Amino acid sequence: HSADTGSFSAAARRLGLTPAAVSKNVARLENHLGLRLFQ
């Protein structure tokens, strides 16, 4: 959703989460993959 919208805030609205929660989820995924997904 962040990639689709280009925004953590817009993704959060779609998912019913806070922007901080979406950002943390993406950071966890990046840590798990060992890959930076977003600039």
PDB file of all heavy atoms in Angstrom:
ATOM      1  N   HIS A   1       0.826  -1.211   0.000  1.00  0.00           N
ATOM      2  CA  HIS A   1       0.000   0.000   0.000  1.00  0.00           C
ATOM      3  C   HIS A   1       0.861   1.264   0.000  1.00  0.00           C
ATOM      4  O   HIS A   1       0.509   2.250  -0.653  1.00  0.00           O
ATOM      5  CB  HIS A   1      -0.969   0.002   1.181  1.00  0.00           C
ATOM      6  CG  HIS A   1      -2.118  -0.935   1.012  1.00  0.00           C
ATOM      7  ND1 HIS A   1      -3.116  -0.744   0.084  1.00  0.00           N
ATOM      8  CD2 HIS A   1      -2.422  -2.092   1.641  1.00  0.00           C
ATOM      9  CE1 HIS A   1      -3.984  -1.731   0.158  1.00  0.00           C
ATOM     10  NE2 HIS A   1      -3.580  -2.578   1.089  1.00  0.00           N
ATOM     11  N   SER A   2       1.978   1.234   0.685  1.00  0.00           N
ATOM     12  CA  SER A   2       2.898   2.389   0.685  1.00  0.00           C
ATOM     13  C   SER A   2       3.491   2.596  -0.699  1.00  0.00           C
ATOM     14  O   SER A   2       3.600   3.732  -1.174  1.00  0.00           O
ATOM     15  CB  SER A   2       4.014   2.189   1.709  1.00  0.00           C
ATOM     16  OG  SER A   2       3.493   2.118   3.012  1.00  0.00           O
ATOM     17  N   ALA A   3       3.853   1.508  -1.360  1.00  0.00           N
ATOM     18  CA  ALA A   3       4.405   1.609  -2.712  1.00  0.00           C
ATOM     19  C   ALA A   3       3.344   2.102  -3.687  1.00  0.00           C
ATOM     20  O   ALA A   3       3.627   2.933  -4.561  1.00  0.00           O
ATOM     21  CB  ALA A   3       4.955   0.256  -3.156  1.00  0.00           C
ATOM     22  N   ASP A   4       2.117   1.614  -3.552  1.00  0.00           N
ATOM     23  CA  ASP A   4       1.020   2.032  -4.431  1.00  0.00           C
ATOM     24  C   ASP A   4       0.711   3.518  -4.294  1.00  0.00           C
ATOM     25  O   ASP A   4       0.464   4.193  -5.288  1.00  0.00           O
ATOM     26  CB  ASP A   4      -0.266   1.255  -4.117  1.00  0.00           C
ATOM     27  CG  ASP A   4      -0.320  -0.105  -4.779  1.00  0.00           C
ATOM     28  OD1 ASP A   4       0.428  -0.342  -5.753  1.00  0.00           O
ATOM     29  OD2 ASP A   4      -1.120  -0.937  -4.318  1.00  0.00           O
ATOM     30  N   THR A   5       0.707   3.996  -3.065  1.00  0.00           N
ATOM     31  CA  THR A   5       0.289   5.378  -2.816  1.00  0.00           C
ATOM     32  C   THR A   5       1.451   6.360  -2.749  1.00  0.00           C
ATOM     33  O   THR A   5       1.236   7.561  -2.881  1.00  0.00           O
ATOM     34  CB  THR A   5      -0.494   5.471  -1.490  1.00  0.00           C
ATOM     35  OG1 THR A   5       0.358   5.072  -0.413  1.00  0.00           O
ATOM     36  CG2 THR A   5      -1.740   4.618  -1.524  1.00  0.00           C
ATOM     37  N   GLY A   6       2.663   5.854  -2.507  1.00  0.00           N
ATOM     38  CA  GLY A   6       3.818   6.740  -2.348  1.00  0.00           C
ATOM     39  C   GLY A   6       3.799   7.494  -1.034  1.00  0.00           C
ATOM     40  O   GLY A   6       4.438   8.536  -0.890  1.00  0.00           O
ATOM     41  N   SER A   7       3.070   6.936  -0.046  1.00  0.00           N
ATOM     42  CA  SER A   7       2.897   7.639   1.219  1.00  0.00           C
ATOM     43  C   SER A   7       2.548   6.660   2.330  1.00  0.00           C
ATOM     44  O   SER A   7       1.664   5.819   2.166  1.00  0.00           O
ATOM     45  CB  SER A   7       1.776   8.668   1.062  1.00  0.00           C
ATOM     46  OG  SER A   7       1.320   9.140   2.297  1.00  0.00           O
ATOM     47  N   PHE A   8       3.219   6.809   3.473  1.00  0.00           N
ATOM     48  CA  PHE A   8       2.842   6.011   4.634  1.00  0.00           C
ATOM     49  C   PHE A   8       1.481   6.453   5.163  1.00  0.00           C
ATOM     50  O   PHE A   8       0.697   5.640   5.629  1.00  0.00           O
ATOM     51  CB  PHE A   8       3.884   6.131   5.752  1.00  0.00           C
ATOM     52  CG  PHE A   8       5.188   5.436   5.460  1.00  0.00           C
ATOM     53  CD1 PHE A   8       6.379   5.976   5.912  1.00  0.00           C
ATOM     54  CD2 PHE A   8       5.245   4.242   4.773  1.00  0.00           C
ATOM     55  CE1 PHE A   8       7.585   5.345   5.677  1.00  0.00           C
ATOM     56  CE2 PHE A   8       6.449   3.592   4.527  1.00  0.00           C
ATOM     57  CZ  PHE A   8       7.625   4.155   4.988  1.00  0.00           C
ATOM     58  N   SER A   9       1.194   7.751   5.089  1.00  0.00           N
ATOM     59  CA  SER A   9      -0.090   8.270   5.588  1.00  0.00           C
ATOM     60  C   SER A   9      -1.262   7.724   4.781  1.00  0.00           C
ATOM     61  O   SER A   9      -2.275   7.297   5.348  1.00  0.00           O
ATOM     62  CB  SER A   9      -0.102   9.794   5.554  1.00  0.00           C
ATOM     63  OG  SER A   9       0.855  10.317   6.431  1.00  0.00           O
ATOM     64  N   ALA A  10      -1.140   7.739   3.464  1.00  0.00           N
ATOM     65  CA  ALA A  10      -2.216   7.220   2.611  1.00  0.00           C
ATOM     66  C   ALA A  10      -2.377   5.714   2.811  1.00  0.00           C
ATOM     67  O   ALA A  10      -3.501   5.203   2.854  1.00  0.00           O
ATOM     68  CB  ALA A  10      -1.931   7.540   1.151  1.00  0.00           C
ATOM     69  N   ALA A  11      -1.269   5.007   2.938  1.00  0.00           N
ATOM     70  CA  ALA A  11      -1.334   3.565   3.193  1.00  0.00           C
ATOM     71  C   ALA A  11      -2.017   3.301   4.536  1.00  0.00           C
ATOM     72  O   ALA A  11      -2.830   2.385   4.650  1.00  0.00           O
ATOM     73  CB  ALA A  11       0.067   2.965   3.176  1.00  0.00           C
ATOM     74  N   ALA A  12      -1.700   4.119   5.529  1.00  0.00           N
ATOM     75  CA  ALA A  12      -2.301   3.955   6.853  1.00  0.00           C
ATOM     76  C   ALA A  12      -3.815   4.149   6.797  1.00  0.00           C
ATOM     77  O   ALA A  12      -4.565   3.397   7.428  1.00  0.00           O
ATOM     78  CB  ALA A  12      -1.676   4.947   7.832  1.00  0.00           C
ATOM     79  N   ARG A  13      -4.263   5.130   6.035  1.00  0.00           N
ATOM     80  CA  ARG A  13      -5.711   5.349   5.897  1.00  0.00           C
ATOM     81  C   ARG A  13      -6.382   4.132   5.261  1.00  0.00           C
ATOM     82  O   ARG A  13      -7.454   3.707   5.695  1.00  0.00           O
ATOM     83  CB  ARG A  13      -5.990   6.603   5.069  1.00  0.00           C
ATOM     84  CG  ARG A  13      -5.754   7.887   5.826  1.00  0.00           C
ATOM     85  CD  ARG A  13      -6.263   9.096   5.083  1.00  0.00           C
ATOM     86  NE  ARG A  13      -5.531   9.362   3.853  1.00  0.00           N
ATOM     87  CZ  ARG A  13      -4.418  10.070   3.773  1.00  0.00           C
ATOM     88  NH1 ARG A  13      -3.878  10.587   4.867  1.00  0.00           N
ATOM     89  NH2 ARG A  13      -3.819  10.263   2.609  1.00  0.00           N
ATOM     90  N   ARG A  14      -5.756   3.546   4.254  1.00  0.00           N
ATOM     91  CA  ARG A  14      -6.317   2.360   3.598  1.00  0.00           C
ATOM     92  C   ARG A  14      -6.372   1.163   4.540  1.00  0.00           C
ATOM     93  O   ARG A  14      -7.287   0.343   4.463  1.00  0.00           O
ATOM     94  CB  ARG A  14      -5.478   1.970   2.384  1.00  0.00           C
ATOM     95  CG  ARG A  14      -5.676   2.834   1.187  1.00  0.00           C
ATOM     96  CD  ARG A  14      -4.927   2.226   0.018  1.00  0.00           C
ATOM     97  NE  ARG A  14      -5.067   3.024  -1.185  1.00  0.00           N
ATOM     98  CZ  ARG A  14      -4.490   2.709  -2.328  1.00  0.00           C
ATOM     99  NH1 ARG A  14      -3.746   1.619  -2.429  1.00  0.00           N
ATOM    100  NH2 ARG A  14      -4.665   3.464  -3.389  1.00  0.00           N
ATOM    101  N   LEU A  15      -5.358   1.050   5.397  1.00  0.00           N
ATOM    102  CA  LEU A  15      -5.234  -0.122   6.267  1.00  0.00           C
ATOM    103  C   LEU A  15      -5.880   0.064   7.638  1.00  0.00           C
ATOM    104  O   LEU A  15      -5.960  -0.893   8.414  1.00  0.00           O
ATOM    105  CB  LEU A  15      -3.756  -0.470   6.446  1.00  0.00           C
ATOM    106  CG  LEU A  15      -3.027  -0.933   5.191  1.00  0.00           C
ATOM    107  CD1 LEU A  15      -1.523  -0.952   5.418  1.00  0.00           C
ATOM    108  CD2 LEU A  15      -3.532  -2.296   4.761  1.00  0.00           C
ATOM    109  N   GLY A  16      -6.285   1.286   7.949  1.00  0.00           N
ATOM    110  CA  GLY A  16      -6.859   1.555   9.264  1.00  0.00           C
ATOM    111  C   GLY A  16      -5.822   1.553  10.369  1.00  0.00           C
ATOM    112  O   GLY A  16      -6.106   1.155  11.501  1.00  0.00           O
ATOM    113  N   LEU A  17      -4.611   1.970  10.038  1.00  0.00           N
ATOM    114  CA  LEU A  17      -3.506   2.045  10.988  1.00  0.00           C
ATOM    115  C   LEU A  17      -3.011   3.481  11.082  1.00  0.00           C
ATOM    116  O   LEU A  17      -3.447   4.342  10.326  1.00  0.00           O
ATOM    117  CB  LEU A  17      -2.343   1.150  10.519  1.00  0.00           C
ATOM    118  CG  LEU A  17      -2.622  -0.334  10.354  1.00  0.00           C
ATOM    119  CD1 LEU A  17      -1.432  -1.020   9.681  1.00  0.00           C
ATOM    120  CD2 LEU A  17      -2.909  -0.977  11.697  1.00  0.00           C
ATOM    121  N   THR A  18      -2.071   3.712  11.980  1.00  0.00           N
ATOM    122  CA  THR A  18      -1.423   5.017  12.038  1.00  0.00           C
ATOM    123  C   THR A  18      -0.250   5.018  11.056  1.00  0.00           C
ATOM    124  O   THR A  18       0.309   3.949  10.748  1.00  0.00           O
ATOM    125  CB  THR A  18      -0.886   5.319  13.449  1.00  0.00           C
ATOM    126  OG1 THR A  18       0.145   4.372  13.763  1.00  0.00           O
ATOM    127  CG2 THR A  18      -1.995   5.263  14.485  1.00  0.00           C
ATOM    128  N   PRO A  19       0.161   6.197  10.577  1.00  0.00           N
ATOM    129  CA  PRO A  19       1.344   6.258   9.712  1.00  0.00           C
ATOM    130  C   PRO A  19       2.586   5.685  10.390  1.00  0.00           C
ATOM    131  O   PRO A  19       3.404   5.034   9.745  1.00  0.00           O
ATOM    132  CB  PRO A  19       1.497   7.756   9.432  1.00  0.00           C
ATOM    133  CG  PRO A  19       0.118   8.302   9.565  1.00  0.00           C
ATOM    134  CD  PRO A  19      -0.510   7.499  10.675  1.00  0.00           C
ATOM    135  N   ALA A  20       2.706   5.890  11.694  1.00  0.00           N
ATOM    136  CA  ALA A  20       3.864   5.347  12.426  1.00  0.00           C
ATOM    137  C   ALA A  20       3.858   3.821  12.401  1.00  0.00           C
ATOM    138  O   ALA A  20       4.922   3.194  12.255  1.00  0.00           O
ATOM    139  CB  ALA A  20       3.867   5.856  13.862  1.00  0.00           C
ATOM    140  N   ALA A  21       2.689   3.213  12.526  1.00  0.00           N
ATOM    141  CA  ALA A  21       2.597   1.748  12.493  1.00  0.00           C
ATOM    142  C   ALA A  21       2.987   1.214  11.123  1.00  0.00           C
ATOM    143  O   ALA A  21       3.701   0.213  11.019  1.00  0.00           O
ATOM    144  CB  ALA A  21       1.189   1.298  12.864  1.00  0.00           C
ATOM    145  N   VAL A  22       2.547   1.888  10.063  1.00  0.00           N
ATOM    146  CA  VAL A  22       2.903   1.460   8.711  1.00  0.00           C
ATOM    147  C   VAL A  22       4.406   1.600   8.509  1.00  0.00           C
ATOM    148  O   VAL A  22       5.064   0.694   7.979  1.00  0.00           O
ATOM    149  CB  VAL A  22       2.123   2.275   7.652  1.00  0.00           C
ATOM    150  CG1 VAL A  22       2.637   1.983   6.250  1.00  0.00           C
ATOM    151  CG2 VAL A  22       0.638   1.958   7.740  1.00  0.00           C
ATOM    152  N   SER A  23       4.963   2.706   8.939  1.00  0.00           N
ATOM    153  CA  SER A  23       6.405   2.925   8.818  1.00  0.00           C
ATOM    154  C   SER A  23       7.188   1.850   9.567  1.00  0.00           C
ATOM    155  O   SER A  23       8.179   1.316   9.052  1.00  0.00           O
ATOM    156  CB  SER A  23       6.765   4.314   9.356  1.00  0.00           C
ATOM    157  OG  SER A  23       8.147   4.524   9.315  1.00  0.00           O
ATOM    158  N   LYS A  24       6.750   1.509  10.759  1.00  0.00           N
ATOM    159  CA  LYS A  24       7.417   0.460  11.539  1.00  0.00           C
ATOM    160  C   LYS A  24       7.295  -0.901  10.860  1.00  0.00           C
ATOM    161  O   LYS A  24       8.246  -1.687  10.863  1.00  0.00           O
ATOM    162  CB  LYS A  24       6.854   0.393  12.950  1.00  0.00           C
ATOM    163  CG  LYS A  24       7.315   1.539  13.819  1.00  0.00           C
ATOM    164  CD  LYS A  24       6.742   1.443  15.214  1.00  0.00           C
ATOM    165  CE  LYS A  24       7.152   2.664  16.021  1.00  0.00           C
ATOM    166  NZ  LYS A  24       6.618   2.608  17.393  1.00  0.00           N
ATOM    167  N   ASN A  25       6.129  -1.181  10.289  1.00  0.00           N
ATOM    168  CA  ASN A  25       5.954  -2.446   9.566  1.00  0.00           C
ATOM    169  C   ASN A  25       6.919  -2.537   8.392  1.00  0.00           C
ATOM    170  O   ASN A  25       7.537  -3.580   8.154  1.00  0.00           O
ATOM    171  CB  ASN A  25       4.513  -2.593   9.064  1.00  0.00           C
ATOM    172  CG  ASN A  25       3.548  -2.978  10.146  1.00  0.00           C
ATOM    173  OD1 ASN A  25       3.940  -3.398  11.236  1.00  0.00           O
ATOM    174  ND2 ASN A  25       2.262  -2.827   9.869  1.00  0.00           N
ATOM    175  N   VAL A  26       7.057  -1.440   7.655  1.00  0.00           N
ATOM    176  CA  VAL A  26       7.972  -1.429   6.512  1.00  0.00           C
ATOM    177  C   VAL A  26       9.412  -1.582   7.008  1.00  0.00           C
ATOM    178  O   VAL A  26      10.201  -2.327   6.415  1.00  0.00           O
ATOM    179  CB  VAL A  26       7.794  -0.155   5.657  1.00  0.00           C
ATOM    180  CG1 VAL A  26       8.897  -0.031   4.625  1.00  0.00           C
ATOM    181  CG2 VAL A  26       6.425  -0.164   4.982  1.00  0.00           C
ATOM    182  N   ALA A  27       9.756  -0.917   8.094  1.00  0.00           N
ATOM    183  CA  ALA A  27      11.111  -1.043   8.653  1.00  0.00           C
ATOM    184  C   ALA A  27      11.388  -2.479   9.085  1.00  0.00           C
ATOM    185  O   ALA A  27      12.489  -2.994   8.863  1.00  0.00           O
ATOM    186  CB  ALA A  27      11.284  -0.083   9.823  1.00  0.00           C
ATOM    187  N   ARG A  28      10.398  -3.139   9.677  1.00  0.00           N
ATOM    188  CA  ARG A  28      10.569  -4.552  10.063  1.00  0.00           C
ATOM    189  C   ARG A  28      10.790  -5.434   8.842  1.00  0.00           C
ATOM    190  O   ARG A  28      11.626  -6.335   8.853  1.00  0.00           O
ATOM    191  CB  ARG A  28       9.346  -5.038  10.838  1.00  0.00           C
ATOM    192  CG  ARG A  28       9.280  -4.540  12.240  1.00  0.00           C
ATOM    193  CD  ARG A  28       8.120  -5.199  12.999  1.00  0.00           C
ATOM    194  NE  ARG A  28       7.868  -4.455  14.199  1.00  0.00           N
ATOM    195  CZ  ARG A  28       6.738  -3.809  14.474  1.00  0.00           C
ATOM    196  NH1 ARG A  28       5.742  -3.839  13.624  1.00  0.00           N
ATOM    197  NH2 ARG A  28       6.598  -3.154  15.594  1.00  0.00           N
ATOM    198  N   LEU A  29      10.035  -5.174   7.789  1.00  0.00           N
ATOM    199  CA  LEU A  29      10.204  -5.946   6.555  1.00  0.00           C
ATOM    200  C   LEU A  29      11.596  -5.707   5.977  1.00  0.00           C
ATOM    201  O   LEU A  29      12.263  -6.656   5.548  1.00  0.00           O
ATOM    202  CB  LEU A  29       9.123  -5.567   5.544  1.00  0.00           C
ATOM    203  CG  LEU A  29       9.164  -6.290   4.205  1.00  0.00           C
ATOM    204  CD1 LEU A  29       9.004  -7.801   4.389  1.00  0.00           C
ATOM    205  CD2 LEU A  29       8.089  -5.753   3.274  1.00  0.00           C
ATOM    206  N   GLU A  30      12.038  -4.451   5.964  1.00  0.00           N
ATOM    207  CA  GLU A  30      13.384  -4.143   5.465  1.00  0.00           C
ATOM    208  C   GLU A  30      14.444  -4.867   6.279  1.00  0.00           C
ATOM    209  O   GLU A  30      15.392  -5.427   5.701  1.00  0.00           O
ATOM    210  CB  GLU A  30      13.630  -2.632   5.512  1.00  0.00           C
ATOM    211  CG  GLU A  30      12.846  -1.859   4.488  1.00  0.00           C
ATOM    212  CD  GLU A  30      13.011  -0.361   4.604  1.00  0.00           C
ATOM    213  OE1 GLU A  30      13.165   0.152   5.743  1.00  0.00           O
ATOM    214  OE2 GLU A  30      12.990   0.308   3.555  1.00  0.00           O
ATOM    215  N   ASN A  31      14.291  -4.884   7.601  1.00  0.00           N
ATOM    216  CA  ASN A  31      15.256  -5.594   8.450  1.00  0.00           C
ATOM    217  C   ASN A  31      15.246  -7.085   8.166  1.00  0.00           C
ATOM    218  O   ASN A  31      16.303  -7.713   8.103  1.00  0.00           O
ATOM    219  CB  ASN A  31      14.957  -5.338   9.930  1.00  0.00           C
ATOM    220  CG  ASN A  31      15.365  -3.963  10.370  1.00  0.00           C
ATOM    221  OD1 ASN A  31      16.251  -3.349   9.785  1.00  0.00           O
ATOM    222  ND2 ASN A  31      14.710  -3.462  11.399  1.00  0.00           N
ATOM    223  N   HIS A  32      14.076  -7.635   7.991  1.00  0.00           N
ATOM    224  CA  HIS A  32      13.953  -9.065   7.701  1.00  0.00           C
ATOM    225  C   HIS A  32      14.608  -9.423   6.364  1.00  0.00           C
ATOM    226  O   HIS A  32      15.282 -10.445   6.249  1.00  0.00           O
ATOM    227  CB  HIS A  32      12.482  -9.479   7.696  1.00  0.00           C
ATOM    228  CG  HIS A  32      12.258 -10.908   7.363  1.00  0.00           C
ATOM    229  ND1 HIS A  32      12.541 -11.932   8.236  1.00  0.00           N
ATOM    230  CD2 HIS A  32      11.794 -11.494   6.235  1.00  0.00           C
ATOM    231  CE1 HIS A  32      12.271 -13.087   7.653  1.00  0.00           C
ATOM    232  NE2 HIS A  32      11.803 -12.848   6.446  1.00  0.00           N
ATOM    233  N   LEU A  33      14.407  -8.566   5.361  1.00  0.00           N
ATOM    234  CA  LEU A  33      14.963  -8.826   4.030  1.00  0.00           C
ATOM    235  C   LEU A  33      16.429  -8.432   3.909  1.00  0.00           C
ATOM    236  O   LEU A  33      17.120  -8.893   3.012  1.00  0.00           O
ATOM    237  CB  LEU A  33      14.162  -8.052   2.972  1.00  0.00           C
ATOM    238  CG  LEU A  33      12.704  -8.438   2.791  1.00  0.00           C
ATOM    239  CD1 LEU A  33      12.025  -7.452   1.847  1.00  0.00           C
ATOM    240  CD2 LEU A  33      12.590  -9.855   2.258  1.00  0.00           C
ATOM    241  N   GLY A  34      16.877  -7.541   4.795  1.00  0.00           N
ATOM    242  CA  GLY A  34      18.234  -7.003   4.670  1.00  0.00           C
ATOM    243  C   GLY A  34      18.352  -6.103   3.456  1.00  0.00           C
ATOM    244  O   GLY A  34      19.399  -6.044   2.818  1.00  0.00           O
ATOM    245  N   LEU A  35      17.273  -5.379   3.155  1.00  0.00           N
ATOM    246  CA  LEU A  35      17.191  -4.576   1.936  1.00  0.00           C
ATOM    247  C   LEU A  35      16.411  -3.308   2.225  1.00  0.00           C
ATOM    248  O   LEU A  35      15.334  -3.370   2.823  1.00  0.00           O
ATOM    249  CB  LEU A  35      16.464  -5.387   0.851  1.00  0.00           C
ATOM    250  CG  LEU A  35      16.151  -4.732  -0.481  1.00  0.00           C
ATOM    251  CD1 LEU A  35      17.445  -4.442  -1.244  1.00  0.00           C
ATOM    252  CD2 LEU A  35      15.248  -5.644  -1.295  1.00  0.00           C
ATOM    253  N   ARG A  36      16.952  -2.187   1.800  1.00  0.00           N
ATOM    254  CA  ARG A  36      16.218  -0.920   1.935  1.00  0.00           C
ATOM    255  C   ARG A  36      15.226  -0.822   0.777  1.00  0.00           C
ATOM    256  O   ARG A  36      15.607  -0.873  -0.389  1.00  0.00           O
ATOM    257  CB  ARG A  36      17.198   0.246   1.906  1.00  0.00           C
ATOM    258  CG  ARG A  36      16.536   1.550   2.133  1.00  0.00           C
ATOM    259  CD  ARG A  36      17.383   2.417   2.999  1.00  0.00           C
ATOM    260  NE  ARG A  36      16.730   3.688   3.161  1.00  0.00           N
ATOM    261  CZ  ARG A  36      16.612   4.288   4.296  1.00  0.00           C
ATOM    262  NH1 ARG A  36      17.135   3.750   5.355  1.00  0.00           N
ATOM    263  NH2 ARG A  36      16.015   5.444   4.381  1.00  0.00           N
ATOM    264  N   LEU A  37      13.940  -0.696   1.099  1.00  0.00           N
ATOM    265  CA  LEU A  37      12.892  -0.710   0.085  1.00  0.00           C
ATOM    266  C   LEU A  37      12.497   0.689  -0.379  1.00  0.00           C
ATOM    267  O   LEU A  37      12.095   0.861  -1.525  1.00  0.00           O
ATOM    268  CB  LEU A  37      11.653  -1.437   0.630  1.00  0.00           C
ATOM    269  CG  LEU A  37      11.875  -2.895   1.015  1.00  0.00           C
ATOM    270  CD1 LEU A  37      10.675  -3.446   1.760  1.00  0.00           C
ATOM    271  CD2 LEU A  37      12.183  -3.723  -0.216  1.00  0.00           C
ATOM    272  N   PHE A  38      12.569   1.672   0.529  1.00  0.00           N
ATOM    273  CA  PHE A  38      12.157   3.037   0.215  1.00  0.00           C
ATOM    274  C   PHE A  38      13.267   4.029   0.500  1.00  0.00           C
ATOM    275  O   PHE A  38      14.031   3.866   1.442  1.00  0.00           O
ATOM    276  CB  PHE A  38      10.944   3.455   1.053  1.00  0.00           C
ATOM    277  CG  PHE A  38       9.665   2.770   0.674  1.00  0.00           C
ATOM    278  CD1 PHE A  38       9.135   1.773   1.465  1.00  0.00           C
ATOM    279  CD2 PHE A  38       8.977   3.140  -0.467  1.00  0.00           C
ATOM    280  CE1 PHE A  38       7.956   1.144   1.133  1.00  0.00           C
ATOM    281  CE2 PHE A  38       7.797   2.514  -0.816  1.00  0.00           C
ATOM    282  CZ  PHE A  38       7.283   1.519  -0.014  1.00  0.00           C
ATOM    283  N   GLN A  39      13.284   5.074  -0.300  1.00  0.00           N
ATOM    284  CA  GLN A  39      14.084   6.263  -0.016  1.00  0.00           C
ATOM    285  C   GLN A  39      13.109   7.243   0.632  1.00  0.00           C
ATOM    286  O   GLN A  39      12.112   7.617   0.013  1.00  0.00           O
ATOM    287  CB  GLN A  39      14.671   6.851  -1.304  1.00  0.00           C
ATOM    288  CG  GLN A  39      15.548   8.051  -1.089  1.00  0.00           C
ATOM    289  CD  GLN A  39      16.797   7.700  -0.316  1.00  0.00           C
ATOM    290  OE1 GLN A  39      17.391   6.637  -0.499  1.00  0.00           O
ATOM    291  NE2 GLN A  39      17.211   8.575   0.556  1.00  0.00           N
TER     292      GLN A  39
END
